[in-house]
Protein backbone atom coordinates (compact mmCIF):
# COMPACT_ATOMS: atom_id res chain seq x y z
CA MET A 1 -15.65 -0.84 -19.21
CA HIS A 2 -17.73 2.10 -20.31
CA ARG A 3 -20.75 0.73 -18.53
CA CYS A 4 -18.71 0.20 -15.38
CA THR A 5 -17.48 3.81 -15.52
CA SER A 6 -21.00 5.10 -16.08
CA PHE A 7 -22.24 3.01 -13.20
CA THR A 8 -19.50 4.38 -10.95
CA ILE A 9 -20.34 7.97 -11.88
CA LEU A 10 -24.05 7.30 -11.40
CA LYS A 11 -23.38 5.69 -8.08
CA SER A 12 -21.28 8.63 -7.00
CA GLY A 13 -23.98 11.07 -8.07
CA MET A 14 -26.58 9.14 -6.11
CA ARG A 15 -24.35 9.36 -3.07
CA LEU A 16 -24.05 13.11 -3.54
CA ARG A 17 -27.79 13.53 -3.93
CA ILE A 18 -28.51 11.31 -0.93
CA GLY A 19 -25.92 13.18 1.13
CA ALA A 20 -27.45 16.55 0.24
CA TRP A 21 -30.94 15.25 1.06
CA ARG A 22 -29.79 14.02 4.48
CA LYS A 23 -28.08 17.33 5.19
CA LEU A 24 -31.22 19.24 4.24
CA ASN A 25 -33.38 17.10 6.55
CA LEU A 26 -30.86 17.51 9.36
CA MET A 27 -30.99 21.28 8.96
CA ARG A 28 -34.77 21.16 9.05
CA ALA A 29 -34.75 19.00 12.19
CA GLN A 30 -32.44 21.35 14.06
CA PRO A 31 -34.38 24.25 15.63
CA THR A 32 -33.32 27.75 14.70
CA GLU A 33 -32.11 30.21 17.31
CA GLN A 34 -35.49 31.91 17.27
CA GLN A 35 -37.31 28.62 17.76
CA GLN A 36 -35.05 27.76 20.71
CA ALA A 37 -35.75 31.15 22.25
CA LEU A 38 -39.51 30.71 21.92
CA LYS A 39 -39.21 27.20 23.32
CA HIS A 40 -37.38 28.56 26.39
CA CYS A 41 -40.08 31.17 27.04
CA ALA A 42 -42.81 28.56 26.67
CA ALA A 43 -40.99 26.25 29.11
CA VAL A 44 -40.65 29.03 31.68
CA GLU A 45 -44.33 29.93 31.46
CA LYS A 46 -45.32 26.27 31.63
CA SER A 47 -43.18 25.76 34.73
CA VAL A 48 -44.99 28.58 36.53
CA LEU A 49 -48.38 27.30 35.38
CA ASN A 50 -47.50 23.81 36.66
CA ASN A 51 -46.54 25.30 40.04
CA LEU A 52 -49.94 26.99 40.19
CA MET A 53 -51.83 23.84 39.24
CA THR A 54 -49.85 21.57 41.58
CA LEU A 55 -51.03 23.62 44.56
CA ASN A 56 -54.52 24.17 43.13
CA LEU A 57 -53.95 27.91 42.82
CA SER A 58 -54.76 28.36 39.12
CA ARG A 59 -58.14 29.93 39.98
CA GLU A 60 -57.03 32.08 42.91
CA ASN A 61 -56.69 35.87 42.94
CA MET A 62 -53.05 36.94 43.17
CA LEU A 63 -51.31 39.94 44.73
CA LEU A 64 -47.87 40.23 43.09
CA CYS A 65 -45.08 41.87 45.10
CA VAL A 66 -42.90 43.55 42.47
CA SER A 67 -39.72 45.51 43.19
CA GLY A 68 -38.46 46.22 39.68
CA GLY A 69 -35.63 43.66 39.73
CA SER A 70 -35.30 40.91 37.14
CA ASP A 71 -36.97 38.21 39.25
CA SER A 72 -40.10 40.14 40.21
CA ILE A 73 -40.46 41.80 36.79
CA ALA A 74 -40.29 38.35 35.18
CA MET A 75 -42.93 37.14 37.63
CA LEU A 76 -45.20 40.06 36.69
CA HIS A 77 -44.91 39.42 32.95
CA ILE A 78 -45.28 35.63 33.24
CA MET A 79 -48.27 35.79 35.59
CA ALA A 80 -49.88 38.40 33.33
CA VAL A 81 -49.39 36.17 30.26
CA ILE A 82 -50.94 33.20 32.07
CA TRP A 83 -53.76 35.43 33.31
CA LYS A 84 -54.52 36.74 29.82
CA ARG A 85 -54.59 33.22 28.35
CA SER A 86 -56.72 31.78 31.14
CA LYS A 87 -60.49 31.70 30.89
CA GLN A 88 -60.79 31.51 34.67
CA ASN A 89 -62.47 34.36 36.53
CA TYR A 90 -59.68 35.44 38.86
CA LYS A 91 -57.92 38.76 39.37
CA LEU A 92 -54.37 40.06 39.63
CA ALA A 93 -53.04 43.05 41.57
CA VAL A 94 -49.52 44.47 41.87
CA VAL A 95 -47.89 46.15 44.87
CA ASN A 96 -44.51 47.89 44.98
CA TYR A 97 -42.71 48.55 48.26
CA ASN A 98 -40.75 51.78 48.17
CA HIS A 99 -38.28 51.93 51.06
CA LYS A 100 -37.21 55.49 50.19
CA LEU A 101 -33.58 54.53 50.81
CA ARG A 102 -32.22 54.97 47.28
CA MET A 103 -32.55 57.75 44.75
CA GLU A 104 -33.81 55.27 42.17
CA ALA A 105 -36.65 53.98 44.36
CA ASP A 106 -39.27 56.46 43.12
CA GLN A 107 -38.34 55.83 39.49
CA GLU A 108 -38.60 52.06 40.04
CA GLU A 109 -42.06 52.52 41.55
CA ILE A 110 -43.23 54.40 38.44
CA PHE A 111 -41.56 51.78 36.22
CA VAL A 112 -43.49 48.93 37.88
CA GLN A 113 -46.72 50.93 37.79
CA LYS A 114 -46.47 51.45 34.03
CA ILE A 115 -45.97 47.72 33.39
CA ALA A 116 -48.93 46.78 35.60
CA GLU A 117 -51.17 49.34 33.89
CA SER A 118 -50.09 48.11 30.44
CA TYR A 119 -51.68 44.78 31.33
CA GLY A 120 -54.72 46.41 32.93
CA ILE A 121 -53.69 45.21 36.39
CA PRO A 122 -54.48 47.40 39.45
CA PHE A 123 -51.34 48.92 41.01
CA PHE A 124 -50.64 49.81 44.64
CA SER A 125 -47.59 51.24 46.36
CA ARG A 126 -46.51 51.32 49.97
CA HIS A 127 -43.78 53.53 51.42
CA LEU A 128 -41.65 52.47 54.37
CA PRO A 129 -42.46 54.69 57.39
CA GLU A 130 -39.69 57.11 58.25
CA GLU A 131 -39.28 55.75 61.77
CA LEU A 132 -38.52 52.27 60.40
CA ARG A 133 -35.81 53.65 58.12
CA LYS A 134 -33.79 54.51 61.21
CA GLU A 135 -33.91 50.97 62.64
CA THR A 136 -30.53 49.33 63.27
CA SER A 137 -31.84 45.99 61.99
CA LEU A 138 -33.29 47.55 58.85
CA GLN A 139 -33.42 44.35 56.80
CA LEU A 140 -35.42 42.50 59.43
CA SER A 141 -37.79 45.38 60.22
CA SER A 142 -38.44 46.18 56.55
CA ARG A 143 -39.10 42.51 55.78
CA ASP A 144 -41.65 42.31 58.60
CA TRP A 145 -43.21 45.56 57.38
CA ARG A 146 -43.55 44.24 53.82
CA ARG A 147 -45.09 41.03 55.08
CA GLN A 148 -47.63 42.84 57.24
CA GLU A 149 -48.52 45.32 54.50
CA SER A 150 -48.96 42.47 52.00
CA GLN A 151 -51.34 40.64 54.31
CA LYS A 152 -53.25 43.83 55.04
CA LEU A 153 -53.62 44.75 51.36
CA ALA A 154 -54.60 41.20 50.38
CA ALA A 155 -57.30 41.23 53.06
CA GLU A 156 -58.60 44.63 51.86
CA LEU A 157 -58.76 43.50 48.23
CA GLY A 158 -60.50 40.30 49.26
CA GLN A 159 -63.02 42.27 51.28
CA GLN A 160 -63.76 44.50 48.30
CA LEU A 161 -64.49 41.45 46.14
CA SER A 162 -66.71 39.96 48.84
CA SER A 163 -68.77 43.13 49.10
CA SER A 164 -69.13 43.33 45.31
CA GLY A 165 -70.25 39.71 45.11
CA ASP A 166 -67.31 38.50 42.97
CA HIS A 167 -65.84 35.08 43.73
CA PRO A 168 -63.40 33.90 44.91
CA SER A 169 -62.66 36.74 47.34
CA LYS A 170 -59.32 35.57 48.80
CA TYR A 171 -56.00 36.88 47.51
CA ILE A 172 -52.80 34.83 47.52
CA ILE A 173 -49.61 36.89 47.95
CA CYS A 174 -46.89 36.12 45.38
CA THR A 175 -43.19 36.80 45.94
CA ALA A 176 -40.44 36.30 43.35
CA HIS A 177 -38.22 33.80 45.18
CA THR A 178 -36.28 31.62 42.76
CA HIS A 179 -34.43 28.32 42.98
CA ASP A 180 -31.25 30.34 43.54
CA ASP A 181 -32.84 31.91 46.63
CA ASN A 182 -33.74 28.42 47.83
CA ILE A 183 -30.11 27.27 47.57
CA GLU A 184 -28.93 30.38 49.41
CA THR A 185 -31.44 29.68 52.18
CA LEU A 186 -30.13 26.13 52.62
CA ILE A 187 -26.53 27.37 52.84
CA MET A 188 -27.55 30.04 55.37
CA LYS A 189 -29.23 27.38 57.48
CA LEU A 190 -26.17 25.17 57.30
CA LEU A 191 -23.88 28.00 58.41
CA ARG A 192 -26.10 29.05 61.31
CA GLY A 193 -26.77 25.50 62.46
CA VAL A 194 -29.90 23.50 61.82
CA HIS A 195 -31.49 20.24 62.96
CA LEU A 196 -31.36 17.43 60.40
CA SER A 197 -35.14 17.37 60.14
CA ASN A 198 -35.26 21.09 59.36
CA PHE A 199 -32.65 21.29 56.60
CA GLN A 200 -35.29 22.44 54.14
CA GLY A 201 -35.49 25.40 51.83
CA ILE A 202 -38.24 27.83 50.97
CA LYS A 203 -41.70 26.30 50.98
CA PRO A 204 -43.69 27.07 47.80
CA LEU A 205 -46.83 27.93 49.77
CA LEU A 206 -46.85 28.98 53.41
CA GLY A 207 -49.14 31.28 55.36
CA GLY A 208 -50.85 32.70 52.29
CA PHE A 209 -47.53 33.47 50.55
CA PHE A 210 -46.83 31.69 47.25
CA LYS A 211 -43.52 31.49 45.36
CA PRO A 212 -44.43 30.74 41.71
CA LEU A 213 -40.80 30.98 40.47
CA LEU A 214 -39.26 28.51 42.91
CA SER A 215 -38.66 25.93 40.16
CA LEU A 216 -36.73 28.42 38.01
CA SER A 217 -33.24 29.88 38.27
CA LYS A 218 -32.37 33.54 37.96
CA GLU A 219 -30.55 32.66 34.74
CA ASP A 220 -33.81 31.22 33.32
CA LEU A 221 -35.67 34.44 34.13
CA VAL A 222 -33.03 36.84 32.80
CA LYS A 223 -32.93 34.84 29.56
CA TYR A 224 -36.73 35.03 29.37
CA LEU A 225 -36.69 38.82 29.79
CA ARG A 226 -33.96 39.27 27.18
CA ILE A 227 -35.75 37.10 24.62
CA ARG A 228 -38.97 39.04 25.18
CA GLU A 229 -36.96 42.30 25.08
CA LEU A 230 -38.35 43.32 28.47
CA GLU A 231 -36.63 45.81 30.78
CA TRP A 232 -35.90 45.55 34.48
CA ARG A 233 -33.98 47.50 37.10
CA GLU A 234 -30.88 46.43 39.01
CA ASP A 235 -30.62 47.15 42.75
CA GLU A 236 -26.97 47.93 43.46
CA SER A 237 -27.42 46.98 47.13
CA ASN A 238 -27.52 43.34 45.99
CA LEU A 239 -23.86 43.64 45.03
CA THR A 240 -22.60 44.92 48.38
CA ARG A 241 -21.01 42.48 50.80
CA LYS A 242 -22.44 44.32 53.78
CA TYR A 243 -25.12 41.65 54.25
CA THR A 244 -24.43 38.00 55.02
CA ARG A 245 -26.75 36.66 52.32
CA ASN A 246 -24.94 38.75 49.71
CA LYS A 247 -21.61 37.31 50.87
CA VAL A 248 -23.01 33.82 50.48
CA ARG A 249 -24.36 34.61 46.99
CA LEU A 250 -21.28 36.43 45.71
CA ASP A 251 -18.43 34.56 47.41
CA VAL A 252 -19.40 31.30 49.11
CA LEU A 253 -21.73 29.77 46.53
CA PRO A 254 -19.40 30.17 43.51
CA LEU A 255 -16.63 28.35 45.39
CA LEU A 256 -18.92 25.52 46.50
CA GLU A 257 -20.33 25.13 43.00
CA ALA A 258 -16.85 24.99 41.51
CA VAL A 259 -15.77 22.26 43.95
CA ALA A 260 -19.03 20.32 43.45
CA GLY A 261 -18.68 20.18 39.68
CA GLY A 262 -20.90 23.05 38.65
CA LYS A 263 -23.99 24.99 39.68
CA GLU A 264 -26.51 22.35 38.61
CA ALA A 265 -24.61 19.49 40.28
CA PHE A 266 -24.38 21.39 43.56
CA ALA A 267 -28.06 22.34 43.44
CA ARG A 268 -29.08 18.71 42.82
CA ARG A 269 -27.17 17.55 45.90
CA LEU A 270 -28.72 20.19 48.13
CA ASP A 271 -32.19 19.43 46.75
CA LEU A 272 -31.65 15.74 47.55
CA LEU A 273 -30.57 16.52 51.12
CA SER A 274 -33.58 18.78 51.52
CA ARG A 275 -35.87 16.00 50.29
CA GLN A 276 -34.32 13.57 52.78
CA SER A 277 -34.85 16.12 55.54
CA ILE A 278 -38.53 16.41 54.63
CA ASP A 279 -38.88 12.62 54.76
CA LEU A 280 -37.17 12.57 58.17
CA GLN A 281 -39.44 15.29 59.52
CA GLU A 282 -42.53 13.44 58.28
CA TRP A 283 -41.34 10.26 60.01
CA ILE A 284 -40.67 12.14 63.25
CA ASN A 285 -44.10 13.76 63.19
CA LYS A 286 -45.75 10.35 62.75
CA GLU A 287 -43.71 8.89 65.60
CA VAL A 288 -44.61 11.82 67.87
CA VAL A 289 -48.30 11.27 67.16
CA LYS A 290 -47.89 7.58 68.02
CA TYR A 291 -46.05 8.47 71.22
CA GLU A 292 -48.65 11.05 72.31
CA THR A 293 -51.42 8.52 71.63
CA LYS A 294 -49.69 5.93 73.83
CA ILE A 295 -49.19 8.48 76.61
CA LYS A 296 -52.84 9.48 76.57
CA SER A 297 -53.99 5.86 76.57
CA GLY A 298 -51.58 4.99 79.40
CA GLU A 299 -49.69 2.42 77.33
CA SER A 300 -46.37 4.21 77.72
CA LYS A 301 -44.78 6.49 80.30
CA SER A 302 -41.47 7.19 78.58
CA PRO A 303 -40.41 8.26 75.09
CA THR A 304 -39.81 5.50 72.58
CA ILE A 305 -37.88 7.66 70.12
CA PRO A 306 -34.63 9.57 70.57
CA PHE A 307 -35.14 12.98 72.14
CA THR A 308 -32.70 14.53 69.67
CA LEU A 309 -35.18 13.69 66.93
CA ASN A 310 -38.32 14.31 68.97
CA ILE A 311 -37.34 17.86 69.89
CA SER A 312 -37.67 19.13 66.33
CA PRO A 313 -41.48 18.85 66.00
CA ILE A 314 -41.92 20.00 69.60
CA MET A 315 -40.06 23.23 68.79
CA ARG A 316 -40.71 23.48 65.07
CA ASN A 317 -42.02 27.05 65.39
CA VAL A 318 -39.09 28.24 67.51
CA LYS A 319 -35.89 29.56 65.93
CA VAL A 320 -33.05 27.82 67.76
CA GLU A 321 -29.35 27.92 66.97
CA ALA A 322 -27.37 24.66 67.01
CA GLU A 323 -25.30 25.70 70.04
CA GLN A 324 -28.42 26.57 72.03
CA MET A 325 -29.99 23.25 71.08
CA GLU A 326 -26.96 21.35 72.37
CA LYS A 327 -27.14 23.14 75.72
CA VAL A 328 -30.79 22.13 76.08
CA LEU A 329 -30.07 18.52 75.10
CA THR A 330 -27.18 18.30 77.56
CA LEU A 331 -29.42 19.57 80.34
CA VAL A 332 -32.29 17.27 79.42
CA ARG A 333 -30.06 14.17 79.34
CA GLN A 334 -29.11 14.67 83.00
CA PRO A 335 -30.84 12.24 85.44
CA LEU A 336 -33.99 13.71 86.91
CA PRO A 337 -34.45 13.59 90.73
CA HIS A 338 -36.38 10.51 91.90
CA GLY A 339 -37.33 9.79 88.31
CA LYS A 340 -39.89 12.58 88.34
CA PRO A 341 -40.61 14.13 84.94
CA CYS A 342 -39.96 17.71 86.03
CA LEU A 343 -37.37 20.10 84.66
CA SER A 344 -36.89 23.84 84.92
CA ILE A 345 -34.98 25.67 82.19
CA THR A 346 -34.36 29.40 82.18
CA LEU A 347 -33.91 30.72 78.66
CA SER A 348 -32.31 33.98 77.55
CA GLN A 349 -34.24 36.80 75.88
CA GLN A 350 -33.10 35.51 72.48
CA TRP A 351 -35.54 32.63 72.92
């Protein structure tokens, strides 16, 4: 009986010791809050690096367009970290566009300049001409101005490298568009009307402009900045509902995300539709090439694919609203006189 009792106590003690050992190992296996924070920052930086490598841009000189907001400030810090770690011989430069429309604009310019200089990165600033500040379509005119100034500065910097003998001499222009911006763009397209083969978001690289943050959300970037204890500036104009995109961001998107089962679920569905649209456009382009080849060789005298699909690659560089497209299609579907392939269409100034 005594032995049995001793055995029971011993067995119980073993259980206690084993339980404590398991608990200790479990605590060791679970990452601490600090480890999770560092892991998040590493994942963000790796995501940007992967975007660079996927497009073979890891050795290219970069001109970073930085406003002072969370997205562009995060881009500046992340690109600087990657640049410092890299052994590649490429250069970074930072440009800030001061529109002179807000009292804080000059302070934000100085703020960005100090960050760039802390990394040893050359800083440039451009001020919106006074005549453009009076434009009725200020958003459109200022966007075109920023684009032109970016291209001009990138060309100047590249020319300076060429004359000094450094290589490579080309500069890629980086803007801080995020995955959130991509979703907003898709919603804007949907509201304005878009062909099925053009329901696509922001392209990561187009016309010398690169979006290194396109795989990351604004939430990812704000978390990165907070973990690193880095400051940024908020532009209050982003909170006004004066502009359509702001209305979409502040009002429309939250409702759609709630109905769709959350932000991530809604984003996945839009990304899938965008991917399907890209596949459709690729198929159309291939079919158009086949059709043009047959026409040139004399094998065919009439289209072999639906005109509603064929019109997209024909007009892929023309901005057309859905209603305008329908008017054109209705006109084109009408029988042509004597079967002759001739048609005259008078378009408005909007075209």
